């Protein structure tokens, strides 16, 4: 993996780890981080040796949105282009071939929660705080939160979070389906790794096709979404892993998938 300055990227046992590495400013986005994040996503997407990506933050925060010091000095057009970079990061996470697990080790506020929403799954540390407090600053969530949050937890609950700017605990987030799991503080990456291992135990192409069907289907009418997912399903029938999986089932043994 390439070396970066504002993020750390490594790979172990088919899991890629992308750690936001600006702990002094709660891993806030600046232009360099935006550029490096987008580059790393392209590198990971092209790597057939990566089956799952885990995104987390260095220090006490997951990610706390924009670097206000940098953003405040920009003219409107510059701010738009800067913000578009983050929009494309979030879109890139959704379009990534591999499932993405957000290991929310601390505060995920504003753009940080929007980043987590673009991931496939979310595991939060017990002390993590989550919210979209932009209205308290006179703005609104600008990188997809107003659209992804209601798709995940429903319009009413999303409206309350967005319009009040209230911050919630990890346990509250778990109850409404904002996160899928809460882990003890200091163990959130390990919990994400355990979840990744359960995903990696399955056929790689089937996992990729399932993720693609999930992400694309959300934006299609139901009938079209079903037709799209059917094509992904049938594509799996041409793989050696499908034959291995069905044979293992009939022979009552554990399958050995090869990614072919």
C-alpha atoms as a PDB file:
ATOM      1  CA  UNK A   1       0.000   0.000   0.000  1.00  0.00           C
ATOM      2  CA  UNK A   2       1.145   3.559  -0.771  1.00  0.00           C
ATOM      3  CA  UNK A   3       2.274   5.795   2.099  1.00  0.00           C
ATOM      4  CA  UNK A   4       0.270   8.904   2.975  1.00  0.00           C
ATOM      5  CA  UNK A   5       0.569  11.721   5.513  1.00  0.00           C
ATOM      6  CA  UNK A   6      -2.984  12.379   6.722  1.00  0.00           C
ATOM      7  CA  UNK A   7      -4.161   8.762   6.623  1.00  0.00           C
ATOM      8  CA  UNK A   8      -2.621   5.415   7.466  1.00  0.00           C
ATOM      9  CA  UNK A   9      -3.343   2.520   5.103  1.00  0.00           C
ATOM     10  CA  UNK A  10      -2.326  -1.079   5.701  1.00  0.00           C
ATOM     11  CA  UNK A  11      -3.464  -4.580   4.765  1.00  0.00           C
ATOM     12  CA  UNK A  12      -3.573  -7.757   6.831  1.00  0.00           C
ATOM     13  CA  UNK A  13      -5.274 -11.056   5.997  1.00  0.00           C
ATOM     14  CA  UNK A  14      -7.512  -9.655   3.229  1.00  0.00           C
ATOM     15  CA  UNK A  15      -8.587  -6.709   5.423  1.00  0.00           C
ATOM     16  CA  UNK A  16      -7.509  -3.179   4.519  1.00  0.00           C
ATOM     17  CA  UNK A  17      -7.365  -0.580   7.289  1.00  0.00           C
ATOM     18  CA  UNK A  18      -7.760   3.134   6.541  1.00  0.00           C
ATOM     19  CA  UNK A  19      -7.100   5.271   9.620  1.00  0.00           C
ATOM     20  CA  UNK A  20      -7.774   8.999   9.506  1.00  0.00           C
ATOM     21  CA  UNK A  21      -4.623  10.468  11.032  1.00  0.00           C
ATOM     22  CA  UNK A  22      -5.125  14.071  12.117  1.00  0.00           C
ATOM     23  CA  UNK A  23      -5.864  13.447  15.807  1.00  0.00           C
ATOM     24  CA  UNK A  24      -4.944  16.981  16.911  1.00  0.00           C
ATOM     25  CA  UNK A  25      -8.032  18.296  15.039  1.00  0.00           C
ATOM     26  CA  UNK A  26     -10.283  15.249  15.598  1.00  0.00           C
ATOM     27  CA  UNK A  27      -9.326  13.961  12.125  1.00  0.00           C
ATOM     28  CA  UNK A  28     -11.085  16.874  10.424  1.00  0.00           C
ATOM     29  CA  UNK A  29     -11.063  17.008   6.648  1.00  0.00           C
ATOM     30  CA  UNK A  30      -8.555  19.283   4.972  1.00  0.00           C
ATOM     31  CA  UNK A  31      -7.689  19.270   1.279  1.00  0.00           C
ATOM     32  CA  UNK A  32      -4.737  16.944   1.711  1.00  0.00           C
ATOM     33  CA  UNK A  33      -6.809  14.386   3.611  1.00  0.00           C
ATOM     34  CA  UNK A  34      -9.538  14.568   0.969  1.00  0.00           C
ATOM     35  CA  UNK A  35      -7.041  13.976  -1.829  1.00  0.00           C
ATOM     36  CA  UNK A  36      -5.257  11.146  -0.025  1.00  0.00           C
ATOM     37  CA  UNK A  37      -8.500   9.427   0.995  1.00  0.00           C
ATOM     38  CA  UNK A  38      -9.748   9.408  -2.596  1.00  0.00           C
ATOM     39  CA  UNK A  39      -6.432   8.045  -3.840  1.00  0.00           C
ATOM     40  CA  UNK A  40      -6.448   5.285  -1.224  1.00  0.00           C
ATOM     41  CA  UNK A  41      -9.979   4.216  -2.146  1.00  0.00           C
ATOM     42  CA  UNK A  42      -8.907   3.751  -5.761  1.00  0.00           C
ATOM     43  CA  UNK A  43      -5.928   1.687  -4.646  1.00  0.00           C
ATOM     44  CA  UNK A  44      -8.080  -0.522  -2.402  1.00  0.00           C
ATOM     45  CA  UNK A  45     -10.780  -1.009  -5.035  1.00  0.00           C
ATOM     46  CA  UNK A  46      -8.177  -2.322  -7.495  1.00  0.00           C
ATOM     47  CA  UNK A  47      -6.626  -4.728  -4.977  1.00  0.00           C
ATOM     48  CA  UNK A  48      -8.055  -8.236  -5.409  1.00  0.00           C
ATOM     49  CA  UNK A  49      -6.314  -9.201  -2.166  1.00  0.00           C
ATOM     50  CA  UNK A  50      -8.643  -6.971  -0.132  1.00  0.00           C
ATOM     51  CA  UNK A  51     -12.018  -8.393   0.856  1.00  0.00           C
ATOM     52  CA  UNK A  52     -13.147  -5.870   3.475  1.00  0.00           C
ATOM     53  CA  UNK A  53     -12.164  -2.281   4.330  1.00  0.00           C
ATOM     54  CA  UNK A  54     -12.237  -0.988   7.916  1.00  0.00           C
ATOM     55  CA  UNK A  55     -12.274   2.801   8.348  1.00  0.00           C
ATOM     56  CA  UNK A  56     -11.427   4.299  11.745  1.00  0.00           C
ATOM     57  CA  UNK A  57      -9.836   7.364  13.326  1.00  0.00           C
ATOM     58  CA  UNK A  58      -6.592   8.001  15.192  1.00  0.00           C
ATOM     59  CA  UNK A  59      -6.809   9.352  18.723  1.00  0.00           C
ATOM     60  CA  UNK A  60     -10.061   9.959  20.575  1.00  0.00           C
ATOM     61  CA  UNK A  61     -12.323  10.841  17.633  1.00  0.00           C
ATOM     62  CA  UNK A  62     -13.564   8.996  14.557  1.00  0.00           C
ATOM     63  CA  UNK A  63     -14.047  12.135  12.471  1.00  0.00           C
ATOM     64  CA  UNK A  64     -15.505  15.526  13.298  1.00  0.00           C
ATOM     65  CA  UNK A  65     -16.255  17.002   9.896  1.00  0.00           C
ATOM     66  CA  UNK A  66     -14.541  19.883   8.168  1.00  0.00           C
ATOM     67  CA  UNK A  67     -11.379  21.692   9.174  1.00  0.00           C
ATOM     68  CA  UNK A  68     -13.143  24.997   9.830  1.00  0.00           C
ATOM     69  CA  UNK A  69      -9.876  26.956   9.787  1.00  0.00           C
ATOM     70  CA  UNK A  70      -9.268  25.909   6.172  1.00  0.00           C
ATOM     71  CA  UNK A  71     -12.894  26.134   5.063  1.00  0.00           C
ATOM     72  CA  UNK A  72     -13.485  29.611   6.517  1.00  0.00           C
ATOM     73  CA  UNK A  73     -10.877  31.202   4.232  1.00  0.00           C
ATOM     74  CA  UNK A  74     -12.442  29.891   1.015  1.00  0.00           C
ATOM     75  CA  UNK A  75     -14.581  31.734  -1.504  1.00  0.00           C
ATOM     76  CA  UNK A  76     -17.925  30.051  -2.340  1.00  0.00           C
ATOM     77  CA  UNK A  77     -16.646  28.378  -5.508  1.00  0.00           C
ATOM     78  CA  UNK A  78     -13.600  27.040  -3.721  1.00  0.00           C
ATOM     79  CA  UNK A  79     -15.775  25.753  -0.882  1.00  0.00           C
ATOM     80  CA  UNK A  80     -18.008  23.993  -3.388  1.00  0.00           C
ATOM     81  CA  UNK A  81     -15.090  22.222  -5.021  1.00  0.00           C
ATOM     82  CA  UNK A  82     -13.643  21.333  -1.613  1.00  0.00           C
ATOM     83  CA  UNK A  83     -16.976  19.938  -0.428  1.00  0.00           C
ATOM     84  CA  UNK A  84     -17.425  17.999  -3.670  1.00  0.00           C
ATOM     85  CA  UNK A  85     -14.241  16.115  -2.835  1.00  0.00           C
ATOM     86  CA  UNK A  86     -15.872  14.773   0.337  1.00  0.00           C
ATOM     87  CA  UNK A  87     -19.094  13.996  -1.545  1.00  0.00           C
ATOM     88  CA  UNK A  88     -17.032  11.864  -3.919  1.00  0.00           C
ATOM     89  CA  UNK A  89     -15.296  10.101  -1.016  1.00  0.00           C
ATOM     90  CA  UNK A  90     -18.674   9.065   0.377  1.00  0.00           C
ATOM     91  CA  UNK A  91     -19.892   7.975  -3.047  1.00  0.00           C
ATOM     92  CA  UNK A  92     -16.642   6.067  -3.482  1.00  0.00           C
ATOM     93  CA  UNK A  93     -17.214   4.163  -0.240  1.00  0.00           C
ATOM     94  CA  UNK A  94     -20.661   3.105  -1.446  1.00  0.00           C
ATOM     95  CA  UNK A  95     -19.359   2.092  -4.879  1.00  0.00           C
ATOM     96  CA  UNK A  96     -16.298   0.279  -3.527  1.00  0.00           C
ATOM     97  CA  UNK A  97     -16.275  -3.395  -4.531  1.00  0.00           C
ATOM     98  CA  UNK A  98     -15.587  -4.435  -0.956  1.00  0.00           C
ATOM     99  CA  UNK A  99     -17.879  -4.016   2.072  1.00  0.00           C
ATOM    100  CA  UNK A 100     -16.763  -1.134   4.309  1.00  0.00           C
ATOM    101  CA  UNK A 101     -17.017  -1.229   8.103  1.00  0.00           C
ATOM    102  CA  UNK A 102     -16.851   2.057  10.015  1.00  0.00           C
ATOM    103  CA  UNK A 103     -15.115   1.403  13.340  1.00  0.00           C
ATOM    104  CA  UNK A 104     -16.409   4.501  15.152  1.00  0.00           C
ATOM    105  CA  UNK A 105     -13.849   4.846  17.926  1.00  0.00           C
ATOM    106  CA  UNK A 106     -15.077   8.243  19.176  1.00  0.00           C
ATOM    107  CA  UNK A 107     -17.025  11.294  18.097  1.00  0.00           C
ATOM    108  CA  UNK A 108     -18.635  11.026  14.649  1.00  0.00           C
ATOM    109  CA  UNK A 109     -20.135  14.465  14.147  1.00  0.00           C
ATOM    110  CA  UNK A 110     -21.241  16.361  11.057  1.00  0.00           C
ATOM    111  CA  UNK A 111     -19.156  15.169   8.145  1.00  0.00           C
ATOM    112  CA  UNK A 112     -17.845  12.370  10.346  1.00  0.00           C
ATOM    113  CA  UNK A 113     -21.295  10.850  10.701  1.00  0.00           C
ATOM    114  CA  UNK A 114     -21.916  11.435   6.986  1.00  0.00           C
ATOM    115  CA  UNK A 115     -18.724   9.460   6.321  1.00  0.00           C
ATOM    116  CA  UNK A 116     -19.946   6.617   8.544  1.00  0.00           C
ATOM    117  CA  UNK A 117     -23.347   6.639   6.815  1.00  0.00           C
ATOM    118  CA  UNK A 118     -21.621   5.962   3.485  1.00  0.00           C
ATOM    119  CA  UNK A 119     -20.019   2.814   4.906  1.00  0.00           C
ATOM    120  CA  UNK A 120     -21.763  -0.535   4.581  1.00  0.00           C
ATOM    121  CA  UNK A 121     -21.807  -1.303   8.317  1.00  0.00           C
ATOM    122  CA  UNK A 122     -21.098   0.652  11.494  1.00  0.00           C
ATOM    123  CA  UNK A 123     -19.612  -0.499  14.810  1.00  0.00           C
ATOM    124  CA  UNK A 124     -19.411   2.164  17.536  1.00  0.00           C
ATOM    125  CA  UNK A 125     -17.373   2.363  20.728  1.00  0.00           C
ATOM    126  CA  UNK A 126     -19.505   2.602  23.873  1.00  0.00           C
ATOM    127  CA  UNK A 127     -18.481   6.204  24.546  1.00  0.00           C
ATOM    128  CA  UNK A 128     -18.863   7.398  20.947  1.00  0.00           C
ATOM    129  CA  UNK A 129     -21.126  10.381  20.235  1.00  0.00           C
ATOM    130  CA  UNK A 130     -22.959  10.686  16.924  1.00  0.00           C
ATOM    131  CA  UNK A 131     -24.872  13.557  15.379  1.00  0.00           C
ATOM    132  CA  UNK A 132     -25.425  16.113  12.650  1.00  0.00           C
ATOM    133  CA  UNK A 133     -25.183  19.441  14.532  1.00  0.00           C
ATOM    134  CA  UNK A 134     -24.816  21.660  11.452  1.00  0.00           C
ATOM    135  CA  UNK A 135     -28.019  23.671  12.088  1.00  0.00           C
ATOM    136  CA  UNK A 136     -26.379  24.950  15.282  1.00  0.00           C
ATOM    137  CA  UNK A 137     -23.720  26.526  13.040  1.00  0.00           C
ATOM    138  CA  UNK A 138     -26.204  28.057  10.629  1.00  0.00           C
ATOM    139  CA  UNK A 139     -25.682  25.458   7.886  1.00  0.00           C
ATOM    140  CA  UNK A 140     -26.991  21.993   7.013  1.00  0.00           C
ATOM    141  CA  UNK A 141     -25.274  18.635   6.442  1.00  0.00           C
ATOM    142  CA  UNK A 142     -23.576  19.068   3.077  1.00  0.00           C
ATOM    143  CA  UNK A 143     -22.102  15.714   2.083  1.00  0.00           C
ATOM    144  CA  UNK A 144     -25.126  13.431   1.981  1.00  0.00           C
ATOM    145  CA  UNK A 145     -26.436  13.237   5.537  1.00  0.00           C
ATOM    146  CA  UNK A 146     -29.866  14.638   4.681  1.00  0.00           C
ATOM    147  CA  UNK A 147     -30.285  11.826   2.137  1.00  0.00           C
ATOM    148  CA  UNK A 148     -28.489   8.805   3.601  1.00  0.00           C
ATOM    149  CA  UNK A 149     -29.757   9.181   7.175  1.00  0.00           C
ATOM    150  CA  UNK A 150     -33.497   8.874   6.364  1.00  0.00           C
ATOM    151  CA  UNK A 151     -32.748   5.937   4.072  1.00  0.00           C
ATOM    152  CA  UNK A 152     -31.093   4.212   7.033  1.00  0.00           C
ATOM    153  CA  UNK A 153     -33.292   5.074  10.028  1.00  0.00           C
ATOM    154  CA  UNK A 154     -36.478   6.515   8.507  1.00  0.00           C
ATOM    155  CA  UNK A 155     -37.667  10.045   7.780  1.00  0.00           C
ATOM    156  CA  UNK A 156     -39.017  10.962  11.217  1.00  0.00           C
ATOM    157  CA  UNK A 157     -35.982   9.912  13.222  1.00  0.00           C
ATOM    158  CA  UNK A 158     -33.666  11.500  10.679  1.00  0.00           C
ATOM    159  CA  UNK A 159     -35.663  14.731  10.744  1.00  0.00           C
ATOM    160  CA  UNK A 160     -35.349  14.936  14.516  1.00  0.00           C
ATOM    161  CA  UNK A 161     -31.565  14.467  14.377  1.00  0.00           C
ATOM    162  CA  UNK A 162     -31.053  16.920  11.512  1.00  0.00           C
ATOM    163  CA  UNK A 163     -33.470  19.659  12.623  1.00  0.00           C
ATOM    164  CA  UNK A 164     -32.497  19.672  16.309  1.00  0.00           C
ATOM    165  CA  UNK A 165     -28.796  18.991  15.856  1.00  0.00           C
ATOM    166  CA  UNK A 166     -28.964  16.737  18.920  1.00  0.00           C
ATOM    167  CA  UNK A 167     -26.056  14.427  19.718  1.00  0.00           C
ATOM    168  CA  UNK A 168     -26.795  10.829  20.677  1.00  0.00           C
ATOM    169  CA  UNK A 169     -24.911   8.076  22.463  1.00  0.00           C
ATOM    170  CA  UNK A 170     -23.791   4.836  20.876  1.00  0.00           C
ATOM    171  CA  UNK A 171     -26.527   2.894  22.688  1.00  0.00           C
ATOM    172  CA  UNK A 172     -29.173   5.319  21.433  1.00  0.00           C
ATOM    173  CA  UNK A 173     -27.756   4.948  17.927  1.00  0.00           C
ATOM    174  CA  UNK A 174     -27.956   1.155  18.226  1.00  0.00           C
ATOM    175  CA  UNK A 175     -31.621   1.282  19.249  1.00  0.00           C
ATOM    176  CA  UNK A 176     -32.653   3.204  16.138  1.00  0.00           C
ATOM    177  CA  UNK A 177     -30.470   1.257  13.702  1.00  0.00           C
ATOM    178  CA  UNK A 178     -27.924   3.996  13.112  1.00  0.00           C
ATOM    179  CA  UNK A 179     -25.158   1.558  14.085  1.00  0.00           C
ATOM    180  CA  UNK A 180     -25.264  -2.229  13.933  1.00  0.00           C
ATOM    181  CA  UNK A 181     -23.105  -2.950  16.985  1.00  0.00           C
ATOM    182  CA  UNK A 182     -21.648  -1.297  20.094  1.00  0.00           C
ATOM    183  CA  UNK A 183     -18.261  -2.452  21.388  1.00  0.00           C
ATOM    184  CA  UNK A 184     -16.389  -1.609  24.606  1.00  0.00           C
ATOM    185  CA  UNK A 185     -14.066   1.368  24.371  1.00  0.00           C
ATOM    186  CA  UNK A 186     -10.710   0.343  22.948  1.00  0.00           C
ATOM    187  CA  UNK A 187     -12.151  -2.759  21.283  1.00  0.00           C
ATOM    188  CA  UNK A 188     -14.066  -1.259  18.359  1.00  0.00           C
ATOM    189  CA  UNK A 189     -11.486  -2.184  15.723  1.00  0.00           C
ATOM    190  CA  UNK A 190     -11.296  -5.719  17.086  1.00  0.00           C
ATOM    191  CA  UNK A 191     -15.096  -5.949  16.901  1.00  0.00           C
ATOM    192  CA  UNK A 192     -14.950  -4.693  13.311  1.00  0.00           C
ATOM    193  CA  UNK A 193     -12.301  -7.317  12.533  1.00  0.00           C
ATOM    194  CA  UNK A 194     -14.548 -10.063  13.917  1.00  0.00           C
ATOM    195  CA  UNK A 195     -17.378  -8.836  11.713  1.00  0.00           C
ATOM    196  CA  UNK A 196     -14.998  -8.675   8.742  1.00  0.00           C
ATOM    197  CA  UNK A 197     -13.929 -12.284   9.389  1.00  0.00           C
ATOM    198  CA  UNK A 198     -17.568 -13.411   9.210  1.00  0.00           C
ATOM    199  CA  UNK A 199     -17.898 -11.674   5.841  1.00  0.00           C
ATOM    200  CA  UNK A 200     -14.585 -13.033   4.555  1.00  0.00           C
ATOM    201  CA  UNK A 201     -15.670 -16.602   5.340  1.00  0.00           C
ATOM    202  CA  UNK A 202     -18.043 -16.372   2.373  1.00  0.00           C
ATOM    203  CA  UNK A 203     -17.456 -16.500  -1.373  1.00  0.00           C
ATOM    204  CA  UNK A 204     -15.703 -13.256  -2.432  1.00  0.00           C
ATOM    205  CA  UNK A 205     -17.598 -12.750  -5.691  1.00  0.00           C
ATOM    206  CA  UNK A 206     -20.941 -13.421  -3.990  1.00  0.00           C
ATOM    207  CA  UNK A 207     -20.137 -10.839  -1.295  1.00  0.00           C
ATOM    208  CA  UNK A 208     -19.203  -8.302  -3.967  1.00  0.00           C
ATOM    209  CA  UNK A 209     -22.391  -8.954  -5.943  1.00  0.00           C
ATOM    210  CA  UNK A 210     -24.528  -8.769  -2.796  1.00  0.00           C
ATOM    211  CA  UNK A 211     -23.037  -5.440  -1.776  1.00  0.00           C
ATOM    212  CA  UNK A 212     -23.533  -4.069  -5.275  1.00  0.00           C
ATOM    213  CA  UNK A 213     -27.181  -5.165  -5.307  1.00  0.00           C
ATOM    214  CA  UNK A 214     -27.780  -3.551  -1.913  1.00  0.00           C
ATOM    215  CA  UNK A 215     -26.263  -0.202  -2.849  1.00  0.00           C
ATOM    216  CA  UNK A 216     -27.683   0.102  -6.367  1.00  0.00           C
ATOM    217  CA  UNK A 217     -31.098  -1.274  -5.465  1.00  0.00           C
ATOM    218  CA  UNK A 218     -31.751   1.388  -2.846  1.00  0.00           C
ATOM    219  CA  UNK A 219     -32.031   4.004  -5.587  1.00  0.00           C
ATOM    220  CA  UNK A 220     -34.269   1.965  -7.910  1.00  0.00           C
ATOM    221  CA  UNK A 221     -38.005   1.230  -7.880  1.00  0.00           C
ATOM    222  CA  UNK A 222     -38.635  -2.157  -6.272  1.00  0.00           C
ATOM    223  CA  UNK A 223     -39.324  -4.099  -9.472  1.00  0.00           C
ATOM    224  CA  UNK A 224     -36.198  -2.748 -11.169  1.00  0.00           C
ATOM    225  CA  UNK A 225     -34.157  -3.396  -8.023  1.00  0.00           C
ATOM    226  CA  UNK A 226     -35.292  -7.027  -7.937  1.00  0.00           C
ATOM    227  CA  UNK A 227     -34.398  -7.453 -11.613  1.00  0.00           C
ATOM    228  CA  UNK A 228     -30.970  -5.900 -11.002  1.00  0.00           C
ATOM    229  CA  UNK A 229     -30.270  -8.178  -8.037  1.00  0.00           C
ATOM    230  CA  UNK A 230     -31.456 -11.209 -10.030  1.00  0.00           C
ATOM    231  CA  UNK A 231     -28.781 -10.542 -12.647  1.00  0.00           C
ATOM    232  CA  UNK A 232     -26.140 -10.344  -9.897  1.00  0.00           C
ATOM    233  CA  UNK A 233     -27.406 -13.627  -8.494  1.00  0.00           C
ATOM    234  CA  UNK A 234     -27.245 -15.408 -11.847  1.00  0.00           C
ATOM    235  CA  UNK A 235     -23.726 -14.073 -12.411  1.00  0.00           C
ATOM    236  CA  UNK A 236     -22.660 -16.066  -9.334  1.00  0.00           C
ATOM    237  CA  UNK A 237     -23.777 -19.302 -11.020  1.00  0.00           C
ATOM    238  CA  UNK A 238     -20.812 -19.112 -13.387  1.00  0.00           C
ATOM    239  CA  UNK A 239     -18.242 -19.237 -10.582  1.00  0.00           C
ATOM    240  CA  UNK A 240     -16.246 -22.140  -9.191  1.00  0.00           C
ATOM    241  CA  UNK A 241     -17.107 -20.876  -5.707  1.00  0.00           C
ATOM    242  CA  UNK A 242     -20.822 -21.423  -6.379  1.00  0.00           C
ATOM    243  CA  UNK A 243     -20.108 -25.044  -7.326  1.00  0.00           C
ATOM    244  CA  UNK A 244     -17.885 -25.442  -4.270  1.00  0.00           C
ATOM    245  CA  UNK A 245     -20.503 -23.909  -1.982  1.00  0.00           C
ATOM    246  CA  UNK A 246     -23.332 -26.103  -3.204  1.00  0.00           C
ATOM    247  CA  UNK A 247     -21.146 -29.234  -3.131  1.00  0.00           C
ATOM    248  CA  UNK A 248     -20.026 -28.474   0.420  1.00  0.00           C
ATOM    249  CA  UNK A 249     -23.639 -28.009   1.482  1.00  0.00           C
ATOM    250  CA  UNK A 250     -24.684 -31.371   0.020  1.00  0.00           C
ATOM    251  CA  UNK A 251     -21.607 -33.091   1.456  1.00  0.00           C
ATOM    252  CA  UNK A 252     -22.130 -31.462   4.875  1.00  0.00           C
ATOM    253  CA  UNK A 253     -18.657 -29.944   5.023  1.00  0.00           C
ATOM    254  CA  UNK A 254     -17.182 -26.464   5.259  1.00  0.00           C
ATOM    255  CA  UNK A 255     -16.644 -24.879   1.819  1.00  0.00           C
ATOM    256  CA  UNK A 256     -13.203 -23.776   0.665  1.00  0.00           C
ATOM    257  CA  UNK A 257     -13.691 -20.703  -1.500  1.00  0.00           C
ATOM    258  CA  UNK A 258     -10.992 -19.607  -3.935  1.00  0.00           C
ATOM    259  CA  UNK A 259     -12.443 -16.368  -5.277  1.00  0.00           C
ATOM    260  CA  UNK A 260     -12.968 -17.880  -8.721  1.00  0.00           C
END
